Structures are given as structure tokens and as C-alpha cells.
Amino acid sequence: MTPAEQPFKDKKLIDIEQGKNMENYNSIVKSAMERLKLKDRAGSYHVTWVGRLRSWYKLRSKNIKHGKGIIIRPRVDIVLTDNALLEIGNYCVIDSYSYILLTKPEPHVIFEDFVGIGRGTIIACKKLVKIGAYTQIGPFCQFNDQDHSYGRDTLIMNQPAVIKPIIVGKDCWFGSGCRVLKGVTIGDGSVIGAGSVVTTDIPSYEIWAGVPARFIKKRV
């Protein structure tokens, strides 16, 4: 089963293994596939042969496992330590100037199917950052699963990292300039307003915004 094969029930995700609402799930996947067919030279999924070659070149590392149809735009930096694992599902798009950094001790980043990473976004991982299928991340966002300690007895540059995983559900939307800090879990279908700083867990199908991010309303 590919990462995207986690189906929807109306506005909520359901479990495909239980065979619930398969017809509705198929329509969701079909609508995502139709997006790929749009004829728009400025669209997210438009790619030239040069773009295909670039994407192949960026994905050739033994530390990267990937599906098909991935688009990596110009000037994307992917920096992987020797034991890093970067998993990219089908039809993901990583826009220009994004920076994906996997550093020790045991970094693992997962982009499920149809994830969109906006221009200039930073993903910095030491343990786990997981982005669920169909989630769209606006430009200049940042996800950090670590933070520095700041005790006075040690230089800042030598402080140990405090590391906690970030888990983002499926079908979420992050406005421009969001910051998601360590240890946060964000439920399926959530919307995070532009410029927000997420410091705590967010339930499914809620809209949050602000610094720090606070509940605004339910998504209807």
C-alpha cells in the first residue's frame, strides 16, 4: 500500500483495510490525479524534460527512497548525513530554494503522496518529521524537530539538542511563513494560518493561527 492509500470518509480519513467507503476514497484519489493533467505552464505539476532530469539527479542518493512523478524545482538543497533516510511518495513537489536537512543522530523524513513543499521552506530533522498525504505547505515555512538547550554552564554552540518528532496528518494546509516546533502532532485536515508558530498539538479539522498558534474555529 502506498502512503496515499489511506482513504477518506466524507471529510475525515478512514481505514482502507476495513474496506469502508472505498467508492468515496477512489473519487478523492481520482481528483488528485486529475490535477496532474492541468495544462498550466506556471502550475505546480508542470515539468519539462530538464526538470525531470534535475529531479532524477537529486533523488539518486542511496539515502532516498521515492515513488514516481516527483518534481524538484531549481535550487533545492537536500543535505543528508550518512545514516539519514528521506522517503518521498508519489507526485510530491518540492519548490525552489527549499532546504531539507537531515542531521544526526537518526534522522528520518517522510513525505507521503501528493505533498507540496512551498518555495523557501526548511525541513530540519534529527529524529522524525512526517508529512501526511495531500498536505500542502506554503512558501517560507519551517519545521524543526529539535531545539538548543541554553544552560549558562556551556557555550551555546556546544549545547545539546532537545529532539522530539513532528507528525503532520493528511490533507493539511500551512499558510506562508508558518513555523512548526519540536514535539508537535497536527491532525488530519487542519489549516494553519500564515505566519503562525505552532508549539502544541492541533486536533483534526481545526483552523489555528497566531504566535503562538491558537484555536480559531472548526473546519466545516
C-alpha atoms as a PDB file:
ATOM      1  CA  MET A   1       0.000   0.000   0.000  1.00  0.00           C
ATOM      2  CA  THR A   2       1.405   3.415  -0.937  1.00  0.00           C
ATOM      3  CA  PRO A   3       1.320   6.235   1.616  1.00  0.00           C
ATOM      4  CA  ALA A   4      -1.600   7.855  -0.218  1.00  0.00           C
ATOM      5  CA  GLU A   5      -3.746   4.764   0.126  1.00  0.00           C
ATOM      6  CA  GLN A   6      -5.256   5.983   3.380  1.00  0.00           C
ATOM      7  CA  PRO A   7      -8.817   6.833   2.317  1.00  0.00           C
ATOM      8  CA  PHE A   8     -11.371   9.479   3.192  1.00  0.00           C
ATOM      9  CA  LYS A   9     -14.799   9.182   4.784  1.00  0.00           C
ATOM     10  CA  ASP A  10     -16.704  12.321   3.841  1.00  0.00           C
ATOM     11  CA  LYS A  11     -14.396  14.983   5.360  1.00  0.00           C
ATOM     12  CA  LYS A  12     -12.482  12.531   7.508  1.00  0.00           C
ATOM     13  CA  LEU A  13      -9.950   9.837   6.779  1.00  0.00           C
ATOM     14  CA  ILE A  14     -10.956   6.195   7.115  1.00  0.00           C
ATOM     15  CA  ASP A  15      -9.085   2.930   7.156  1.00  0.00           C
ATOM     16  CA  ILE A  16      -8.817   1.240   3.766  1.00  0.00           C
ATOM     17  CA  GLU A  17      -8.014  -2.094   5.415  1.00  0.00           C
ATOM     18  CA  GLN A  18     -11.548  -2.191   6.786  1.00  0.00           C
ATOM     19  CA  GLY A  19     -12.937  -1.564   3.290  1.00  0.00           C
ATOM     20  CA  LYS A  20     -15.044   1.431   4.360  1.00  0.00           C
ATOM     21  CA  ASN A  21     -16.312   3.926   1.804  1.00  0.00           C
ATOM     22  CA  MET A  22     -14.000   2.707  -0.960  1.00  0.00           C
ATOM     23  CA  GLU A  23     -16.016   4.457  -3.652  1.00  0.00           C
ATOM     24  CA  ASN A  24     -15.540   7.845  -1.997  1.00  0.00           C
ATOM     25  CA  TYR A  25     -11.828   7.157  -1.488  1.00  0.00           C
ATOM     26  CA  ASN A  26     -11.397   6.345  -5.161  1.00  0.00           C
ATOM     27  CA  SER A  27     -13.017   9.640  -6.107  1.00  0.00           C
ATOM     28  CA  ILE A  28     -10.577  11.525  -3.874  1.00  0.00           C
ATOM     29  CA  VAL A  29      -7.580   9.842  -5.488  1.00  0.00           C
ATOM     30  CA  LYS A  30      -9.061  10.424  -8.940  1.00  0.00           C
ATOM     31  CA  SER A  31      -9.460  14.145  -8.236  1.00  0.00           C
ATOM     32  CA  ALA A  32      -5.813  14.334  -7.173  1.00  0.00           C
ATOM     33  CA  MET A  33      -4.720  12.573 -10.348  1.00  0.00           C
ATOM     34  CA  GLU A  34      -6.820  14.952 -12.459  1.00  0.00           C
ATOM     35  CA  ARG A  35      -4.806  17.829 -11.028  1.00  0.00           C
ATOM     36  CA  LEU A  36      -1.757  16.411 -12.790  1.00  0.00           C
ATOM     37  CA  LYS A  37      -3.440  16.830 -16.168  1.00  0.00           C
ATOM     38  CA  LEU A  38      -3.996  20.583 -15.941  1.00  0.00           C
ATOM     39  CA  LYS A  39      -2.343  22.431 -18.827  1.00  0.00           C
ATOM     40  CA  ASP A  40      -0.684  25.308 -16.995  1.00  0.00           C
ATOM     41  CA  ARG A  41       2.956  26.119 -17.688  1.00  0.00           C
ATOM     42  CA  ALA A  42       3.109  28.021 -14.383  1.00  0.00           C
ATOM     43  CA  GLY A  43       1.332  25.299 -12.405  1.00  0.00           C
ATOM     44  CA  SER A  44       2.814  23.182  -9.639  1.00  0.00           C
ATOM     45  CA  TYR A  45       2.848  19.992 -11.693  1.00  0.00           C
ATOM     46  CA  HIS A  46       4.177  21.376 -14.977  1.00  0.00           C
ATOM     47  CA  VAL A  47       7.603  19.911 -15.688  1.00  0.00           C
ATOM     48  CA  THR A  48       9.970  19.980 -18.665  1.00  0.00           C
ATOM     49  CA  TRP A  49      12.484  17.327 -19.645  1.00  0.00           C
ATOM     50  CA  VAL A  50      15.141  19.428 -17.916  1.00  0.00           C
ATOM     51  CA  GLY A  51      13.030  19.367 -14.763  1.00  0.00           C
ATOM     52  CA  ARG A  52      12.691  15.599 -14.968  1.00  0.00           C
ATOM     53  CA  LEU A  53      16.446  15.254 -15.321  1.00  0.00           C
ATOM     54  CA  ARG A  54      17.022  17.553 -12.360  1.00  0.00           C
ATOM     55  CA  SER A  55      14.602  15.566 -10.205  1.00  0.00           C
ATOM     56  CA  TRP A  56      16.288  12.291 -11.125  1.00  0.00           C
ATOM     57  CA  TYR A  57      19.681  13.739 -10.245  1.00  0.00           C
ATOM     58  CA  LYS A  58      18.508  14.999  -6.847  1.00  0.00           C
ATOM     59  CA  LEU A  59      16.894  11.654  -5.967  1.00  0.00           C
ATOM     60  CA  ARG A  60      19.800   9.390  -6.862  1.00  0.00           C
ATOM     61  CA  SER A  61      21.181   9.136  -3.290  1.00  0.00           C
ATOM     62  CA  LYS A  62      21.109   5.723  -1.585  1.00  0.00           C
ATOM     63  CA  ASN A  63      19.591   7.507   1.427  1.00  0.00           C
ATOM     64  CA  ILE A  64      16.466   8.471  -0.528  1.00  0.00           C
ATOM     65  CA  LYS A  65      13.509   6.165  -1.193  1.00  0.00           C
ATOM     66  CA  HIS A  66      10.965   7.614  -3.568  1.00  0.00           C
ATOM     67  CA  GLY A  67       7.888   6.983  -5.678  1.00  0.00           C
ATOM     68  CA  LYS A  68       7.076   8.272  -9.133  1.00  0.00           C
ATOM     69  CA  GLY A  69       6.224  11.652 -10.613  1.00  0.00           C
ATOM     70  CA  ILE A  70       8.258  13.695  -8.116  1.00  0.00           C
ATOM     71  CA  ILE A  71       9.131  17.253  -9.152  1.00  0.00           C
ATOM     72  CA  ILE A  72      12.097  19.031  -7.592  1.00  0.00           C
ATOM     73  CA  ARG A  73      12.440  22.648  -8.679  1.00  0.00           C
ATOM     74  CA  PRO A  74      15.724  24.545  -9.181  1.00  0.00           C
ATOM     75  CA  ARG A  75      18.000  25.407  -6.256  1.00  0.00           C
ATOM     76  CA  VAL A  76      16.594  22.878  -3.822  1.00  0.00           C
ATOM     77  CA  ASP A  77      19.204  21.713  -1.291  1.00  0.00           C
ATOM     78  CA  ILE A  78      18.928  18.202   0.149  1.00  0.00           C
ATOM     79  CA  VAL A  79      21.650  17.562   2.753  1.00  0.00           C
ATOM     80  CA  LEU A  80      21.831  14.063   4.237  1.00  0.00           C
ATOM     81  CA  THR A  81      24.061  12.631   6.922  1.00  0.00           C
ATOM     82  CA  ASP A  82      25.377   9.100   6.379  1.00  0.00           C
ATOM     83  CA  ASN A  83      22.537   7.317   8.232  1.00  0.00           C
ATOM     84  CA  ALA A  84      19.711   9.603   7.050  1.00  0.00           C
ATOM     85  CA  LEU A  85      16.529   8.294   5.445  1.00  0.00           C
ATOM     86  CA  LEU A  86      14.374  10.511   3.251  1.00  0.00           C
ATOM     87  CA  GLU A  87      11.168   8.927   1.919  1.00  0.00           C
ATOM     88  CA  ILE A  88       9.205  10.759  -0.767  1.00  0.00           C
ATOM     89  CA  GLY A  89       5.867   9.407  -2.007  1.00  0.00           C
ATOM     90  CA  ASN A  90       4.305   9.685  -5.438  1.00  0.00           C
ATOM     91  CA  TYR A  91       3.704  13.057  -7.135  1.00  0.00           C
ATOM     92  CA  CYS A  92       5.300  15.236  -4.482  1.00  0.00           C
ATOM     93  CA  VAL A  93       6.509  18.730  -5.445  1.00  0.00           C
ATOM     94  CA  ILE A  94       9.432  20.456  -3.732  1.00  0.00           C
ATOM     95  CA  ASP A  95       9.589  24.076  -4.826  1.00  0.00           C
ATOM     96  CA  SER A  96      12.650  26.243  -5.463  1.00  0.00           C
ATOM     97  CA  TYR A  97      15.030  27.308  -2.678  1.00  0.00           C
ATOM     98  CA  SER A  98      13.692  24.725  -0.236  1.00  0.00           C
ATOM     99  CA  TYR A  99      16.237  23.285   2.195  1.00  0.00           C
ATOM    100  CA  ILE A 100      15.901  19.751   3.546  1.00  0.00           C
ATOM    101  CA  LEU A 101      18.480  18.968   6.219  1.00  0.00           C
ATOM    102  CA  LEU A 102      18.815  15.562   7.892  1.00  0.00           C
ATOM    103  CA  THR A 103      21.488  15.504  10.591  1.00  0.00           C
ATOM    104  CA  LYS A 104      22.449  13.027  13.300  1.00  0.00           C
ATOM    105  CA  PRO A 105      21.641  11.166  15.426  1.00  0.00           C
ATOM    106  CA  GLU A 106      18.991   9.217  13.386  1.00  0.00           C
ATOM    107  CA  PRO A 107      17.040  11.485  11.019  1.00  0.00           C
ATOM    108  CA  HIS A 108      14.010  10.211   9.105  1.00  0.00           C
ATOM    109  CA  VAL A 109      11.817  12.447   6.944  1.00  0.00           C
ATOM    110  CA  ILE A 110       8.646  11.141   5.285  1.00  0.00           C
ATOM    111  CA  PHE A 111       6.635  12.967   2.629  1.00  0.00           C
ATOM    112  CA  GLU A 112       3.590  10.897   1.740  1.00  0.00           C
ATOM    113  CA  ASP A 113       1.919  11.075  -1.699  1.00  0.00           C
ATOM    114  CA  PHE A 114       0.926  14.439  -3.254  1.00  0.00           C
ATOM    115  CA  VAL A 115       2.721  16.523  -0.612  1.00  0.00           C
ATOM    116  CA  GLY A 116       3.598  20.046  -1.771  1.00  0.00           C
ATOM    117  CA  ILE A 117       6.580  21.834  -0.224  1.00  0.00           C
ATOM    118  CA  GLY A 118       6.473  25.590  -0.864  1.00  0.00           C
ATOM    119  CA  ARG A 119       9.285  27.818  -2.055  1.00  0.00           C
ATOM    120  CA  GLY A 120      11.973  28.546   0.522  1.00  0.00           C
ATOM    121  CA  THR A 121      10.671  26.075   3.093  1.00  0.00           C
ATOM    122  CA  ILE A 122      13.105  24.496   5.572  1.00  0.00           C
ATOM    123  CA  ILE A 123      12.762  20.972   6.945  1.00  0.00           C
ATOM    124  CA  ALA A 124      15.395  20.351   9.638  1.00  0.00           C
ATOM    125  CA  CYS A 125      15.331  16.862  11.140  1.00  0.00           C
ATOM    126  CA  LYS A 126      17.336  14.915  13.684  1.00  0.00           C
ATOM    127  CA  LYS A 127      14.729  12.250  14.541  1.00  0.00           C
ATOM    128  CA  LEU A 128      11.423  12.287  12.619  1.00  0.00           C
ATOM    129  CA  VAL A 129       9.416  14.691  10.511  1.00  0.00           C
ATOM    130  CA  LYS A 130       6.398  13.105   8.830  1.00  0.00           C
ATOM    131  CA  ILE A 131       4.079  14.985   6.446  1.00  0.00           C
ATOM    132  CA  GLY A 132       0.821  13.225   5.549  1.00  0.00           C
ATOM    133  CA  ALA A 133      -0.557  12.690   2.045  1.00  0.00           C
ATOM    134  CA  TYR A 134      -2.175  15.627   0.192  1.00  0.00           C
ATOM    135  CA  THR A 135      -0.796  18.172   2.679  1.00  0.00           C
ATOM    136  CA  GLN A 136       0.223  21.498   1.131  1.00  0.00           C
ATOM    137  CA  ILE A 137       2.892  23.683   2.735  1.00  0.00           C
ATOM    138  CA  GLY A 138       3.086  27.319   1.681  1.00  0.00           C
ATOM    139  CA  PRO A 139       6.292  29.256   0.979  1.00  0.00           C
ATOM    140  CA  PHE A 140       8.917  30.059   3.601  1.00  0.00           C
ATOM    141  CA  CYS A 141       7.669  27.668   6.272  1.00  0.00           C
ATOM    142  CA  GLN A 142       9.954  25.893   8.714  1.00  0.00           C
ATOM    143  CA  PHE A 143       9.748  22.541  10.515  1.00  0.00           C
ATOM    144  CA  ASN A 144      12.315  21.799  13.244  1.00  0.00           C
ATOM    145  CA  ASP A 145      12.159  18.640  15.337  1.00  0.00           C
ATOM    146  CA  GLN A 146      14.944  19.929  17.586  1.00  0.00           C
ATOM    147  CA  ASP A 147      15.925  22.885  19.716  1.00  0.00           C
ATOM    148  CA  HIS A 148      19.053  24.013  21.615  1.00  0.00           C
ATOM    149  CA  SER A 149      19.470  23.820  25.339  1.00  0.00           C
ATOM    150  CA  TYR A 150      20.611  27.108  26.870  1.00  0.00           C
ATOM    151  CA  GLY A 151      22.251  26.432  30.232  1.00  0.00           C
ATOM    152  CA  ARG A 152      24.782  29.061  31.326  1.00  0.00           C
ATOM    153  CA  ASP A 153      27.485  26.485  32.033  1.00  0.00           C
ATOM    154  CA  THR A 154      28.071  25.633  28.342  1.00  0.00           C
ATOM    155  CA  LEU A 155      28.671  27.659  25.216  1.00  0.00           C
ATOM    156  CA  ILE A 156      25.578  27.988  23.029  1.00  0.00           C
ATOM    157  CA  MET A 157      27.442  26.301  20.160  1.00  0.00           C
ATOM    158  CA  ASN A 158      28.079  23.251  22.388  1.00  0.00           C
ATOM    159  CA  GLN A 159      24.601  22.927  23.891  1.00  0.00           C
ATOM    160  CA  PRO A 160      22.910  19.520  23.470  1.00  0.00           C
ATOM    161  CA  ALA A 161      19.868  19.320  21.218  1.00  0.00           C
ATOM    162  CA  VAL A 162      16.399  18.643  22.584  1.00  0.00           C
ATOM    163  CA  ILE A 163      14.757  16.386  19.990  1.00  0.00           C
ATOM    164  CA  LYS A 164      11.069  15.473  19.618  1.00  0.00           C
ATOM    165  CA  PRO A 165       9.308  14.224  16.442  1.00  0.00           C
ATOM    166  CA  ILE A 166       6.908  16.271  14.308  1.00  0.00           C
ATOM    167  CA  ILE A 167       3.882  14.447  12.881  1.00  0.00           C
ATOM    168  CA  VAL A 168       1.570  16.177  10.391  1.00  0.00           C
ATOM    169  CA  GLY A 169      -1.629  14.456   9.248  1.00  0.00           C
ATOM    170  CA  LYS A 170      -3.151  14.191   5.800  1.00  0.00           C
ATOM    171  CA  ASP A 171      -4.848  16.971   3.807  1.00  0.00           C
ATOM    172  CA  CYS A 172      -3.463  19.823   5.912  1.00  0.00           C
ATOM    173  CA  TRP A 173      -2.698  23.338   4.698  1.00  0.00           C
ATOM    174  CA  PHE A 174       0.048  25.605   6.043  1.00  0.00           C
ATOM    175  CA  GLY A 175      -0.045  29.291   5.116  1.00  0.00           C
ATOM    176  CA  SER A 176       3.074  31.212   4.190  1.00  0.00           C
ATOM    177  CA  GLY A 177       5.740  31.599   6.855  1.00  0.00           C
ATOM    178  CA  CYS A 178       4.488  29.055   9.410  1.00  0.00           C
ATOM    179  CA  ARG A 179       6.873  27.634  11.998  1.00  0.00           C
ATOM    180  CA  VAL A 180       6.273  24.174  13.468  1.00  0.00           C
ATOM    181  CA  LEU A 181       8.358  23.376  16.539  1.00  0.00           C
ATOM    182  CA  LYS A 182       9.565  20.110  18.020  1.00  0.00           C
ATOM    183  CA  GLY A 183       7.183  17.563  19.536  1.00  0.00           C
ATOM    184  CA  VAL A 184       4.073  18.764  17.688  1.00  0.00           C
ATOM    185  CA  THR A 185       1.374  16.496  16.235  1.00  0.00           C
ATOM    186  CA  ILE A 186      -1.102  18.091  13.824  1.00  0.00           C
ATOM    187  CA  GLY A 187      -4.268  16.186  12.972  1.00  0.00           C
ATOM    188  CA  ASP A 188      -5.724  15.415   9.545  1.00  0.00           C
ATOM    189  CA  GLY A 189      -7.360  18.248   7.628  1.00  0.00           C
ATOM    190  CA  SER A 190      -6.058  21.083   9.800  1.00  0.00           C
ATOM    191  CA  VAL A 191      -5.380  24.599   8.475  1.00  0.00           C
ATOM    192  CA  ILE A 192      -2.595  26.757   9.922  1.00  0.00           C
ATOM    193  CA  GLY A 193      -2.744  30.497   9.235  1.00  0.00           C
ATOM    194  CA  ALA A 194       0.119  32.411   7.637  1.00  0.00           C
ATOM    195  CA  GLY A 195       2.917  33.417   9.995  1.00  0.00           C
ATOM    196  CA  SER A 196       1.790  31.124  12.798  1.00  0.00           C
ATOM    197  CA  VAL A 197       4.165  29.485  15.270  1.00  0.00           C
ATOM    198  CA  VAL A 198       2.874  26.041  16.259  1.00  0.00           C
ATOM    199  CA  THR A 199       4.043  24.988  19.711  1.00  0.00           C
ATOM    200  CA  THR A 200       1.354  22.483  20.727  1.00  0.00           C
ATOM    201  CA  ASP A 201      -0.698  19.631  19.264  1.00  0.00           C
ATOM    202  CA  ILE A 202      -3.596  20.545  16.961  1.00  0.00           C
ATOM    203  CA  PRO A 203      -6.663  18.282  16.618  1.00  0.00           C
ATOM    204  CA  SER A 204      -8.016  17.205  13.230  1.00  0.00           C
ATOM    205  CA  TYR A 205     -10.128  19.592  11.132  1.00  0.00           C
ATOM    206  CA  GLU A 206      -9.385  22.728  13.104  1.00  0.00           C
ATOM    207  CA  ILE A 207      -8.121  26.140  11.986  1.00  0.00           C
ATOM    208  CA  TRP A 208      -5.349  27.672  14.108  1.00  0.00           C
ATOM    209  CA  ALA A 209      -3.370  30.892  13.739  1.00  0.00           C
ATOM    210  CA  GLY A 210      -1.191  33.302  15.677  1.00  0.00           C
ATOM    211  CA  VAL A 211       2.037  33.484  17.676  1.00  0.00           C
ATOM    212  CA  PRO A 212       1.833  31.126  19.370  1.00  0.00           C
ATOM    213  CA  ALA A 213      -0.875  29.468  17.279  1.00  0.00           C
ATOM    214  CA  ARG A 214      -4.315  29.308  18.920  1.00  0.00           C
ATOM    215  CA  PHE A 215      -7.620  27.720  18.011  1.00  0.00           C
ATOM    216  CA  ILE A 216      -9.743  29.868  15.676  1.00  0.00           C
ATOM    217  CA  LYS A 217     -12.612  27.623  14.621  1.00  0.00           C
ATOM    218  CA  LYS A 218     -13.564  24.212  13.329  1.00  0.00           C
ATOM    219  CA  ARG A 219     -13.097  23.495   9.634  1.00  0.00           C
ATOM    220  CA  VAL A 220     -16.528  22.983   8.040  1.00  0.00           C
END
